Protein backbone atom coordinates (compact mmCIF):
# COMPACT_ATOMS: atom_id res chain seq x y z
CA LEU A 1 7.16 -17.90 1.22
CA GLU A 2 5.95 -18.16 -2.35
CA SER A 3 7.64 -15.90 -4.87
CA ILE A 4 6.03 -15.37 -8.27
CA PRO A 5 7.69 -18.69 -9.26
CA THR A 6 5.37 -21.06 -11.14
CA LEU A 7 1.87 -21.66 -12.36
CA ARG A 8 0.10 -24.36 -10.34
CA ILE A 9 -1.53 -26.89 -12.67
CA ASN A 10 -5.10 -27.87 -11.86
CA VAL A 11 -4.62 -31.63 -12.36
CA GLU A 12 -4.31 -34.52 -9.92
CA GLU A 13 -0.55 -34.81 -10.26
CA LYS A 14 1.35 -32.11 -8.31
CA THR A 15 3.24 -30.80 -11.36
CA PHE A 16 4.18 -27.24 -12.24
CA VAL A 17 4.47 -25.03 -15.30
CA PRO A 18 7.97 -23.51 -15.31
CA LEU A 19 8.31 -19.76 -15.40
CA ARG A 20 10.37 -18.72 -18.39
CA ASN A 21 11.01 -15.08 -17.37
CA VAL A 22 9.58 -12.02 -15.62
CA SER A 23 10.13 -8.36 -16.49
CA VAL A 24 8.91 -5.06 -15.09
CA GLU A 25 8.89 -1.67 -16.82
CA ALA A 26 7.65 1.44 -15.00
CA TRP A 27 7.23 5.14 -15.82
CA ILE A 28 7.25 7.37 -12.73
CA HIS A 29 5.79 10.89 -12.58
CA THR A 30 6.46 12.23 -9.05
CA PHE A 31 4.00 10.28 -6.85
CA ALA A 32 2.36 8.32 -9.71
CA ALA A 33 3.68 5.21 -11.45
CA ASP A 34 2.49 3.29 -14.51
CA VAL A 35 3.81 -0.30 -14.41
CA THR A 36 3.90 -3.11 -16.97
CA LEU A 37 4.49 -6.62 -15.57
CA THR A 38 5.25 -9.37 -18.10
CA GLN A 39 5.46 -13.07 -17.21
CA THR A 40 6.11 -15.93 -19.64
CA PHE A 41 5.23 -19.53 -18.80
CA ILE A 42 5.43 -22.79 -20.76
CA ASN A 43 3.28 -25.94 -20.56
CA MET A 44 5.69 -28.89 -20.60
CA GLU A 45 2.90 -31.47 -20.21
CA ASP A 46 1.63 -33.69 -23.04
CA LYS A 47 -1.96 -32.48 -22.68
CA PRO A 48 -3.84 -29.18 -22.33
CA ILE A 49 -3.98 -27.88 -18.78
CA GLU A 50 -5.60 -25.15 -16.73
CA ALA A 51 -2.91 -23.16 -14.95
CA ILE A 52 -3.49 -20.99 -11.88
CA TYR A 53 -1.00 -18.60 -10.34
CA VAL A 54 -0.98 -15.92 -7.68
CA PHE A 55 1.16 -12.77 -7.70
CA PRO A 56 1.49 -9.68 -5.46
CA ILE A 57 0.81 -6.07 -6.45
CA GLU A 58 0.82 -2.97 -4.27
CA GLU A 59 -2.49 -2.84 -2.38
CA ASN A 60 -3.44 0.62 -3.69
CA ALA A 61 -2.74 -0.22 -7.34
CA ALA A 62 -5.36 -0.19 -10.08
CA VAL A 63 -4.99 -2.83 -12.82
CA TYR A 64 -6.23 -1.46 -16.14
CA ALA A 65 -5.09 -3.98 -18.79
CA LEU A 66 -4.43 -7.70 -19.11
CA THR A 67 -3.36 -9.62 -22.22
CA ALA A 68 -2.35 -13.22 -22.81
CA GLU A 69 -0.32 -14.12 -25.90
CA ILE A 70 -0.07 -17.71 -27.17
CA ASP A 71 1.70 -18.22 -30.52
CA ASP A 72 0.34 -15.42 -32.72
CA ARG A 73 -2.95 -15.15 -30.83
CA LEU A 74 -3.50 -12.20 -28.51
CA ILE A 75 -6.23 -12.49 -25.86
CA THR A 76 -7.31 -9.10 -24.49
CA ALA A 77 -9.22 -9.07 -21.22
CA GLU A 78 -12.45 -7.16 -20.66
CA ILE A 79 -13.77 -5.91 -17.31
CA LYS A 80 -17.00 -7.65 -16.36
CA GLN A 81 -18.95 -8.47 -13.22
CA LYS A 82 -17.24 -11.28 -11.34
CA GLU A 83 -20.02 -13.85 -11.73
CA ILE A 84 -20.40 -13.16 -15.46
CA ALA A 85 -16.63 -13.30 -16.06
CA GLU A 86 -16.30 -16.62 -14.19
CA ALA A 87 -19.22 -18.14 -16.12
CA GLU A 88 -17.80 -17.07 -19.52
CA TYR A 89 -14.34 -18.35 -18.59
CA ASN A 90 -15.70 -21.75 -17.53
CA GLU A 91 -17.78 -21.98 -20.70
CA ALA A 92 -14.69 -21.28 -22.85
CA ILE A 93 -12.41 -23.88 -21.30
CA THR A 94 -15.24 -26.46 -21.27
CA HIS A 95 -15.19 -26.20 -25.08
CA GLY A 96 -11.40 -26.43 -25.22
CA GLN A 97 -10.83 -22.75 -25.93
CA THR A 98 -7.94 -20.86 -24.34
CA ALA A 99 -9.09 -18.14 -21.96
CA THR A 100 -7.78 -16.10 -19.04
CA LEU A 101 -9.45 -14.85 -15.85
CA LEU A 102 -7.91 -12.23 -13.51
CA ARG A 103 -9.35 -11.69 -10.01
CA GLN A 104 -8.21 -9.61 -7.06
CA ASN A 105 -8.32 -11.21 -3.63
CA GLU A 106 -11.14 -9.21 -2.04
CA LYS A 107 -9.93 -9.88 1.51
CA THR A 108 -6.15 -9.35 1.29
CA LEU A 109 -6.29 -6.78 -1.59
CA ASP A 110 -2.57 -7.17 -2.41
CA THR A 111 -2.72 -10.42 -4.39
CA PHE A 112 -4.21 -11.28 -7.76
CA MET A 113 -4.98 -14.71 -9.17
CA ILE A 114 -4.94 -15.56 -12.88
CA ASN A 115 -6.46 -18.68 -14.42
CA VAL A 116 -5.15 -19.65 -17.86
CA GLY A 117 -7.45 -22.31 -19.23
CA ALA A 118 -6.85 -24.96 -21.88
CA LEU A 119 -3.18 -24.04 -22.41
CA PRO A 120 -2.02 -26.42 -25.22
CA PRO A 121 0.95 -28.78 -24.63
CA GLY A 122 4.35 -27.38 -25.49
CA LYS A 123 3.02 -23.84 -25.79
CA GLU A 124 4.20 -20.65 -24.14
CA CYS A 125 1.80 -18.21 -22.51
CA ARG A 126 2.95 -14.62 -22.22
CA ILE A 127 0.91 -12.66 -19.64
CA THR A 128 1.11 -8.84 -19.60
CA ILE A 129 -0.48 -6.87 -16.77
CA ARG A 130 -0.57 -3.07 -16.64
CA TYR A 131 -1.41 -1.11 -13.53
CA VAL A 132 -1.04 2.33 -11.96
CA THR A 133 -0.12 3.00 -8.34
CA GLU A 134 0.53 5.83 -5.90
CA LEU A 135 3.99 6.22 -4.38
CA ASP A 136 4.84 7.00 -0.76
CA LEU A 137 6.88 9.81 0.78
CA ILE A 138 9.68 8.60 3.07
CA ASN A 139 10.85 10.88 5.90
CA GLY A 140 9.69 13.93 3.97
CA LYS A 141 12.70 13.57 1.67
CA SER A 142 12.20 10.87 -0.96
CA ILE A 143 9.53 9.12 -3.01
CA ARG A 144 9.57 5.32 -2.78
CA PHE A 145 8.71 2.92 -5.61
CA VAL A 146 8.21 -0.74 -4.63
CA VAL A 147 7.53 -3.85 -6.71
CA PRO A 148 6.47 -6.66 -4.34
CA SER A 149 7.92 -10.02 -5.36
CA THR A 150 6.76 -12.28 -2.52
CA ILE A 151 3.49 -13.25 -0.89
CA ALA A 152 3.06 -15.07 2.41
CA PRO A 153 0.33 -17.40 3.68
CA ARG A 154 -2.30 -15.51 5.71
CA TYR A 155 -4.14 -16.37 8.93
CA ASN A 156 -7.90 -16.80 8.39
CA PRO A 157 -9.95 -16.28 11.60
CA GLU A 158 -12.81 -18.28 10.09
CA LEU A 159 -10.58 -21.34 9.66
CA GLY A 160 -8.29 -20.81 12.65
CA HIS A 161 -5.05 -21.50 10.74
CA LEU A 162 -2.75 -20.23 8.00
CA GLN A 163 -3.93 -20.60 4.42
CA SER A 164 -2.69 -19.89 0.92
CA PRO A 165 -3.57 -16.38 -0.37
CA ASP A 166 -5.57 -18.01 -3.19
CA ARG A 167 -7.39 -20.42 -0.78
CA THR A 168 -5.70 -23.45 -2.38
CA ASN A 169 -3.17 -25.95 -1.10
CA ALA A 170 -0.31 -24.37 -3.06
CA LYS A 171 3.10 -25.03 -1.56
CA TYR A 172 5.41 -22.23 -0.41
CA VAL A 173 9.11 -22.26 -1.20
CA GLN A 174 11.86 -19.91 -0.05
CA ASN A 175 14.21 -20.18 -3.03
CA THR A 176 13.52 -20.59 -6.74
CA PRO A 177 15.74 -20.55 -9.84
CA TYR A 178 13.61 -17.86 -11.48
CA THR A 179 14.74 -14.26 -11.89
CA ILE A 180 13.27 -10.87 -12.78
CA SER A 181 14.44 -7.85 -14.80
CA PHE A 182 13.56 -4.17 -14.28
CA GLN A 183 13.48 -1.03 -16.40
CA ILE A 184 12.40 2.10 -14.52
CA HIS A 185 12.05 5.56 -16.11
CA VAL A 186 11.80 8.52 -13.70
CA GLU A 187 10.85 11.99 -14.92
CA ARG A 188 13.48 14.50 -13.81
CA ASN A 189 10.88 17.08 -12.89
CA GLY A 190 12.36 18.35 -9.59
CA ILE A 191 14.13 15.04 -8.84
CA SER A 192 17.71 15.26 -7.56
CA ARG A 193 18.83 11.61 -7.63
CA VAL A 194 17.72 7.98 -7.17
CA ALA A 195 19.01 5.14 -4.98
CA ASN A 196 18.12 1.45 -5.04
CA LEU A 197 17.85 -0.13 -1.59
CA SER A 198 17.36 -3.75 -2.62
CA HIS A 199 19.36 -4.68 -5.73
CA PRO A 200 22.43 -3.53 -7.69
CA VAL A 201 21.28 -1.44 -10.67
CA ASN A 202 22.55 0.47 -13.70
CA ILE A 203 21.64 4.18 -13.89
CA SER A 204 21.74 6.47 -16.91
CA THR A 205 20.42 10.02 -17.25
CA SER A 206 19.15 12.40 -19.90
CA SER A 207 17.76 15.91 -19.77
CA GLU A 208 14.24 14.54 -19.13
CA LEU A 209 14.64 11.10 -17.57
CA ILE A 210 16.60 9.03 -15.08
CA ASN A 211 16.70 5.42 -16.30
CA ILE A 212 17.31 2.52 -13.90
CA SER A 213 17.77 -1.06 -15.07
CA THR A 214 18.85 -4.43 -13.76
CA GLN A 215 18.84 -7.91 -15.26
CA ASP A 216 18.21 -11.39 -13.86
CA VAL A 217 17.95 -10.62 -10.15
CA ALA A 218 16.53 -13.12 -7.67
CA LEU A 219 12.84 -13.11 -6.70
CA ASP A 220 13.69 -13.38 -2.99
CA ARG A 221 12.82 -9.82 -1.91
CA ASP A 222 10.91 -6.72 -2.99
CA PHE A 223 12.44 -4.22 -5.44
CA ILE A 224 12.77 -0.86 -3.64
CA LEU A 225 13.79 2.42 -5.30
CA ASN A 226 14.11 5.77 -3.49
CA ILE A 227 13.64 8.91 -5.61
CA HIS A 228 15.11 11.88 -3.78
CA LEU A 229 13.39 15.28 -3.77
CA PRO A 230 15.34 18.56 -3.61
CA LYS A 231 16.74 19.45 -0.17
CA LYS A 232 14.07 22.15 0.24
CA PRO A 233 10.97 20.77 -1.51
CA SER A 234 7.90 22.89 -2.00
CA SER A 235 4.86 22.42 0.23
CA MET A 236 2.87 21.66 -2.93
CA LEU A 237 3.93 19.60 -5.95
CA THR A 238 1.50 19.53 -8.89
CA VAL A 239 1.72 17.38 -12.03
CA VAL A 240 -0.83 17.87 -14.85
CA GLU A 241 -1.60 15.25 -17.49
CA GLN A 242 -3.64 15.77 -20.65
CA TYR A 243 -5.72 12.70 -21.54
CA ASN A 244 -7.59 14.12 -24.53
CA SER A 245 -7.73 17.40 -26.46
CA THR A 246 -9.64 19.37 -23.81
CA LYS A 247 -9.52 17.27 -20.62
CA TYR A 248 -6.85 17.23 -17.92
CA ALA A 249 -6.05 15.36 -14.72
CA ALA A 250 -3.85 16.85 -12.01
CA LEU A 251 -2.10 15.19 -9.08
CA THR A 252 -1.17 17.54 -6.23
CA ALA A 253 0.99 16.38 -3.34
CA LEU A 254 0.60 18.53 -0.21
CA ILE A 255 3.66 18.34 2.07
CA PRO A 256 3.52 20.99 4.84
CA HIS A 257 6.68 21.99 6.72
CA ASN A 258 7.60 23.82 9.94
CA LEU A 259 4.37 23.45 11.90
CA VAL A 260 3.83 24.60 15.49
CA LYS A 261 4.67 22.12 18.25
CA SER A 262 1.74 19.99 19.45
CA ASN A 263 0.17 19.67 22.88
CA TYR A 264 0.93 16.12 24.03
CA MET A 265 -1.80 16.19 26.71
CA LYS A 266 -4.55 15.94 24.07
CA SER A 267 -3.55 12.56 22.66
CA GLU A 268 -3.69 9.02 24.00
CA LEU A 269 -1.35 6.40 22.58
CA ILE A 270 -2.57 2.79 22.29
CA PHE A 271 -0.02 0.08 21.40
CA ILE A 272 -1.42 -3.12 19.80
CA VAL A 273 1.18 -5.92 19.66
CA ASP A 274 0.82 -9.10 17.58
CA CYS A 275 1.70 -12.08 19.82
CA SER A 276 0.38 -14.77 17.46
CA GLY A 277 2.35 -17.91 16.69
CA SER A 278 3.64 -16.61 13.35
CA MET A 279 5.55 -13.88 15.19
CA GLU A 280 8.03 -16.53 16.37
CA ASP A 281 9.44 -16.85 12.83
CA GLU A 282 12.39 -14.58 11.98
CA ASN A 283 12.31 -13.41 15.65
CA LYS A 284 9.55 -10.94 14.81
CA ILE A 285 8.38 -11.09 18.43
CA GLY A 286 11.89 -9.97 19.41
CA LEU A 287 11.54 -6.92 17.16
CA ALA A 288 8.18 -6.18 18.79
CA ARG A 289 9.64 -6.44 22.33
CA GLU A 290 12.54 -4.17 21.43
CA ALA A 291 10.22 -1.63 19.82
CA MET A 292 7.86 -1.59 22.82
CA LEU A 293 10.69 -1.01 25.29
CA LEU A 294 11.90 1.94 23.21
CA PHE A 295 8.38 3.35 22.99
CA ILE A 296 7.86 3.14 26.76
CA ARG A 297 11.11 4.93 27.48
CA SER A 298 10.33 7.68 24.95
CA LEU A 299 6.79 8.73 25.85
CA PRO A 300 6.30 12.30 27.11
CA LEU A 301 5.51 12.63 30.81
CA ASN A 302 1.81 12.94 31.60
CA SER A 303 0.74 11.57 28.24
CA TYR A 304 -1.91 8.82 28.20
CA PHE A 305 -1.20 5.28 26.97
CA ASN A 306 -2.15 1.58 27.05
CA ILE A 307 -0.94 -1.75 25.61
CA ILE A 308 -3.05 -4.50 24.00
CA GLN A 309 -1.63 -7.92 23.07
CA PHE A 310 -3.56 -9.93 20.50
CA GLY A 311 -3.68 -13.28 18.74
CA SER A 312 -6.67 -15.61 18.83
CA ASN A 313 -7.85 -13.37 21.70
CA TYR A 314 -6.61 -10.09 23.18
CA ARG A 315 -5.44 -8.83 26.56
CA ILE A 316 -5.39 -5.21 27.78
CA LEU A 317 -2.70 -4.06 30.22
CA PHE A 318 -4.67 -1.27 31.92
CA GLU A 319 -8.40 -1.98 31.94
CA ASN A 320 -10.46 1.10 32.81
CA GLU A 321 -13.31 3.15 31.39
CA MET A 322 -10.96 5.76 29.89
CA MET A 323 -9.00 3.11 27.89
CA SER A 324 -5.68 4.74 28.88
CA VAL A 325 -3.67 5.75 31.95
CA VAL A 326 -1.27 8.59 32.71
CA TYR A 327 2.34 7.82 31.84
CA ASN A 328 4.37 8.01 35.06
CA GLU A 329 7.05 6.01 36.86
CA GLU A 330 4.64 3.35 38.14
CA THR A 331 2.74 2.74 34.88
CA ALA A 332 5.97 2.81 32.85
CA LYS A 333 7.41 0.05 35.09
CA GLN A 334 4.34 -2.15 34.53
CA ALA A 335 4.54 -1.59 30.79
CA GLU A 336 8.24 -2.50 30.72
CA GLN A 337 7.62 -5.72 32.65
CA LEU A 338 4.92 -6.71 30.15
CA SER A 339 7.16 -5.92 27.17
CA TYR A 340 10.02 -8.04 28.52
CA SER A 341 7.67 -11.01 28.93
CA MET A 342 5.95 -10.91 25.53
CA GLN A 343 5.99 -14.24 23.65
CA ALA A 344 4.47 -15.49 20.39
CA ASP A 345 1.95 -17.64 22.25
CA PHE A 346 -1.48 -16.13 21.48
CA GLY A 347 -2.37 -18.55 18.65
CA GLY A 348 -3.85 -17.06 15.46
CA THR A 349 -3.83 -13.51 14.13
CA GLU A 350 -7.26 -11.99 14.81
CA LEU A 351 -6.77 -8.23 14.72
CA LEU A 352 -10.40 -7.30 14.13
CA THR A 353 -11.63 -7.99 17.68
CA PRO A 354 -9.31 -5.63 19.63
CA LEU A 355 -9.93 -2.89 17.05
CA GLN A 356 -13.68 -3.40 17.39
CA TYR A 357 -13.27 -3.02 21.17
CA LEU A 358 -11.49 0.30 20.65
CA LYS A 359 -14.21 1.49 18.28
CA ASN A 360 -16.81 0.67 20.92
CA ASN A 361 -14.78 2.64 23.49
CA PRO A 362 -13.83 5.88 21.68
CA PRO A 363 -11.54 8.53 23.19
CA THR A 364 -13.08 11.25 25.33
CA ASN A 365 -14.07 14.51 23.66
CA ASP A 366 -10.87 16.33 24.66
CA ARG A 367 -8.49 13.69 23.22
CA SER A 368 -7.48 12.19 19.92
CA ARG A 369 -6.26 8.59 19.73
CA GLN A 370 -3.00 7.43 18.17
CA ILE A 371 -2.79 3.64 17.67
CA PHE A 372 0.49 1.82 17.01
CA ILE A 373 0.13 -1.69 15.54
CA LEU A 374 3.13 -4.04 15.45
CA THR A 375 2.37 -7.11 13.30
CA ASP A 376 3.53 -9.42 10.54
CA GLY A 377 0.10 -8.82 9.00
CA GLU A 378 -0.75 -12.43 8.18
CA VAL A 379 -4.56 -12.04 8.17
CA SER A 380 -7.04 -12.84 5.42
CA ASN A 381 -9.84 -10.42 6.41
CA THR A 382 -7.78 -7.36 5.47
CA ASN A 383 -10.64 -5.42 3.88
CA GLU A 384 -12.92 -5.86 6.89
CA VAL A 385 -10.19 -4.62 9.24
CA ILE A 386 -9.40 -1.58 7.07
CA GLU A 387 -13.05 -0.58 6.73
CA LEU A 388 -13.52 -0.77 10.51
CA CYS A 389 -10.54 1.51 11.04
CA TYR A 390 -11.77 3.95 8.40
CA SER A 391 -14.96 4.31 10.45
CA MET A 392 -12.77 5.53 13.37
CA SER A 393 -10.67 7.97 11.33
CA SER A 394 -12.35 11.13 12.64
CA THR A 395 -10.83 10.53 16.11
CA THR A 396 -8.08 7.98 15.46
CA ARG A 397 -4.85 7.67 13.49
CA ILE A 398 -3.06 4.35 13.06
CA PHE A 399 0.70 3.91 12.74
CA THR A 400 1.65 0.44 11.54
CA PHE A 401 4.85 -1.60 11.77
CA GLY A 402 5.18 -4.46 9.25
CA LEU A 403 7.61 -6.97 10.78
CA GLY A 404 9.70 -9.55 8.91
CA HIS A 405 10.51 -10.18 5.26
CA SER A 406 6.97 -10.42 3.88
CA PRO A 407 4.27 -8.74 5.98
CA SER A 408 0.95 -8.04 4.28
CA ARG A 409 1.56 -4.73 2.52
CA SER A 410 -2.17 -4.25 1.99
CA LEU A 411 -2.87 -4.48 5.73
CA VAL A 412 0.12 -2.46 6.93
CA LYS A 413 -0.34 0.30 4.34
CA GLY A 414 -4.14 0.15 4.20
CA LEU A 415 -4.64 0.76 7.94
CA ALA A 416 -2.34 3.78 7.85
CA ARG A 417 -3.89 5.17 4.68
CA ALA A 418 -7.49 4.77 5.90
CA THR A 419 -6.77 6.81 9.06
CA ASN A 420 -4.17 9.28 7.72
CA GLY A 421 -1.47 7.63 9.80
CA HIS A 422 1.84 6.23 8.63
CA PHE A 423 3.46 2.82 8.06
CA VAL A 424 6.97 1.37 8.19
CA PHE A 425 8.42 -2.05 7.37
CA ILE A 426 11.13 -3.52 9.61
CA PRO A 427 13.13 -6.43 8.12
CA PRO A 428 14.57 -9.18 10.38
CA GLU A 429 17.76 -8.31 12.30
CA GLU A 430 17.19 -4.60 11.64
CA LYS A 431 17.60 -2.05 14.42
CA VAL A 432 14.20 -0.71 15.42
CA ASP A 433 15.23 2.55 17.12
CA THR A 434 15.03 4.69 13.97
CA TYR A 435 11.60 3.33 13.06
CA VAL A 436 10.23 3.78 16.58
CA GLY A 437 11.55 7.33 16.78
CA SER A 438 10.13 8.38 13.42
CA GLN A 439 6.68 6.90 14.09
CA LEU A 440 6.45 8.44 17.57
CA ARG A 441 7.49 11.85 16.24
CA ARG A 442 4.80 11.62 13.57
CA ALA A 443 2.14 10.71 16.13
CA LEU A 444 3.00 13.65 18.38
CA LYS A 445 3.42 16.34 15.77
CA PRO A 446 0.77 18.97 14.99
CA SER A 447 -1.52 19.00 12.00
CA ILE A 448 -3.11 21.40 9.54
CA VAL A 449 -6.88 21.08 9.27
CA ASN A 450 -9.39 22.68 6.90
CA ALA A 451 -6.89 22.86 4.04
CA ARG A 452 -8.17 23.42 0.52
CA LEU A 453 -6.98 23.85 -3.06
CA GLU A 454 -8.19 26.81 -5.12
CA TRP A 455 -7.92 26.75 -8.93
CA HIS A 456 -8.04 30.14 -10.70
CA GLY A 457 -8.21 30.71 -14.45
CA LEU A 458 -10.40 27.77 -15.49
CA SER A 459 -13.57 28.28 -17.50
CA SER A 460 -15.25 25.14 -16.14
CA SER A 461 -15.80 23.55 -12.73
CA ILE A 462 -13.45 20.94 -11.30
CA VAL A 463 -13.93 17.50 -9.73
CA GLN A 464 -11.68 16.80 -6.73
CA SER A 465 -10.87 13.67 -4.73
CA PRO A 466 -10.85 13.60 -1.80
CA ASP A 467 -13.52 16.28 -1.79
CA VAL A 468 -12.51 17.22 1.78
CA ILE A 469 -8.75 17.28 2.35
CA PRO A 470 -7.85 15.28 5.51
CA PRO A 471 -5.56 16.65 8.27
CA LEU A 472 -2.01 17.31 7.03
CA TYR A 473 1.10 16.53 9.07
CA ALA A 474 4.58 17.98 8.73
CA ASN A 475 6.74 16.20 6.14
CA ASP A 476 3.96 13.74 5.27
CA ARG A 477 2.14 13.85 1.96
CA VAL A 478 -1.55 13.86 1.07
CA LEU A 479 -2.43 13.33 -2.60
CA VAL A 480 -5.30 15.31 -4.13
CA TYR A 481 -6.67 14.58 -7.62
CA THR A 482 -8.35 17.23 -9.77
CA MET A 483 -10.17 16.68 -13.07
CA PHE A 484 -11.09 19.61 -15.32
CA GLU A 485 -11.73 20.76 -18.89
CA SER A 486 -10.30 23.83 -20.60
CA ASP A 487 -10.54 24.69 -24.30
CA GLU A 488 -8.23 27.65 -23.78
CA PHE A 489 -5.65 26.10 -21.49
CA ASP A 490 -2.88 26.62 -24.04
CA GLN A 491 -3.64 30.37 -24.20
CA ARG A 492 -3.69 31.20 -20.49
CA THR A 493 -2.07 30.35 -17.20
CA VAL A 494 -3.83 28.60 -14.35
CA GLN A 495 -2.96 29.34 -10.73
CA VAL A 496 -3.32 26.77 -7.95
CA ASN A 497 -3.33 27.95 -4.32
CA PHE A 498 -2.84 25.77 -1.25
CA ARG A 499 -4.77 27.60 1.47
CA VAL A 500 -5.67 27.13 5.13
CA ARG A 501 -8.44 29.44 6.29
CA CYS A 502 -7.37 32.88 5.00
CA LYS A 503 -3.67 32.06 4.61
CA THR A 504 -1.94 30.92 1.42
CA ILE A 505 0.62 28.22 2.27
CA ASP A 506 1.92 27.77 -1.28
CA SER A 507 0.95 28.42 -4.88
CA THR A 508 1.99 27.45 -8.37
CA THR A 509 1.27 28.64 -11.91
CA LEU A 510 0.66 26.18 -14.74
CA ALA A 511 0.73 26.56 -18.52
CA LEU A 512 0.85 24.16 -21.45
CA HIS A 513 4.62 23.72 -21.20
CA ASP A 514 4.15 22.43 -17.62
CA ILE A 515 2.39 19.36 -19.02
CA HIS A 516 5.33 17.00 -19.44
CA HIS A 517 3.39 14.03 -20.71
CA LYS A 518 0.07 12.99 -22.18
CA GLY A 519 -1.58 9.82 -20.99
CA ASP A 520 -3.95 8.21 -18.52
CA THR A 521 -1.81 7.51 -15.43
CA ILE A 522 -3.20 10.30 -13.23
CA ARG A 523 -6.74 9.93 -14.57
CA ARG A 524 -6.74 6.23 -13.67
CA LEU A 525 -5.43 6.94 -10.18
CA ALA A 526 -8.07 9.65 -9.75
CA ALA A 527 -10.77 7.15 -10.69
CA LYS A 528 -9.35 4.68 -8.16
CA ALA A 529 -9.39 7.34 -5.43
CA MET A 530 -12.98 8.33 -6.21
CA ILE A 531 -14.14 4.70 -6.13
CA GLN A 532 -12.39 4.12 -2.80
CA GLN A 533 -13.99 7.21 -1.33
CA LEU A 534 -17.44 6.01 -2.39
CA GLN A 535 -16.74 2.54 -0.97
CA HIS A 536 -15.61 3.96 2.38
CA VAL A 537 -18.70 6.17 2.62
CA ARG A 538 -20.98 3.24 1.82
CA GLN A 539 -19.24 0.92 4.31
CA ASN A 540 -19.26 3.60 6.99
CA ASP A 541 -23.02 4.02 6.51
CA VAL A 542 -23.45 0.26 7.02
CA ILE A 543 -21.28 0.27 10.17
CA MET A 544 -23.13 3.26 11.63
């Protein structure tokens, strides 16, 4: 693994720029977070160098600011087209000027690479990155904030082997002497308490905030904070943010409860198990075997299912035109025998091909398809895989299991998000029964369709993303962004209704005092959501 440890110097000698320190500060507003990541490096060489380093960020984050500070000089980044930015950067360092270039890995989505050019000898470079990100709901009870601290090499189907996330020959190390510090500020709006699952922390509270801090912790695992909701949370949580004198951005989390029991006969369950060579590490293949045996013993009678193993190629347990068979004593026995025999002997990690096969063989008209993917996620064509799955989202949901210490968060989360499924991460030596049970329950539970939000009391029209609310599942959240203007918002109340057909599920009333903060966090996330929606529509048109 490679933590955030050092800048790699672009010179013939394999030397490194030591990391001086790393700090993270975050402001959390229910399901939205605004994060500032600061990293300080020093050039200990006797000549100017170009430094390159790679760092992880949540796959659904939106970076909105980058600065580099050297001595008293502050370099502020501008957003430009990739080719133009690269040309201007190269021109600057050719003339000995200090410049920075930030690029997102377009295939893995969860790593960024920064080039710092012509860094003078003996000088420090302080990099500050600001980004916003959505937070996940865990078991219908708590909001989870994660700061990834590690990235793993990814399997590239085009090359047929593992490669560095930045397509270089950078070395990967398990332990480093570098540490990181955190300061997290959580708005108390409806929050009962917080709990850190990864590191010891200090917690202090005020009437408006819960503050969490920790100093000098190791960069060997992700920072994970659970923010607990009230025991009986509302089915709709709305936060409004004012970003100028007349314009507002709202984030509404829809979390339905107590839905009617589903009809198992209308779903088929497809299990896709990663049997590539990388699954041997940390006994990830053992976790997959254990999970599959639990799944097989827990399926409802007369449901439909199948198992696909994949690596450099894929193998289907039950090959027939319907893509699934009835779960009974005979088919369950065959599935158990296969699960017991699974090994990490399928070569590389090429997930796209079995998913393409499923797309080409859709479920019959009277069924929906629930896909369970168990993988360590070490692929480099993440975006291509996610876009393919998005094109199947009208009939298919995907439930992902990220196995091991450092699975690709962008793949594991992105597949679930694109199909309105759900994801979990299972560390090594962890018991899998809880994860298997929760994912299977989610796949079999009923949904609400044709939901909508109605805003009353506004003098202007609204812009909403997504424009059509996807199916909602009990104790899972869907985030809806709304942008609007109102010159008279401080003189009236605005009512928001969560409705399905003619029934009101929940409602809330907003006034100026409900706006707890002014800023751009929600507006930036709304812009990210709208861009993603446009990208998915465009890609889906190409696939069709």
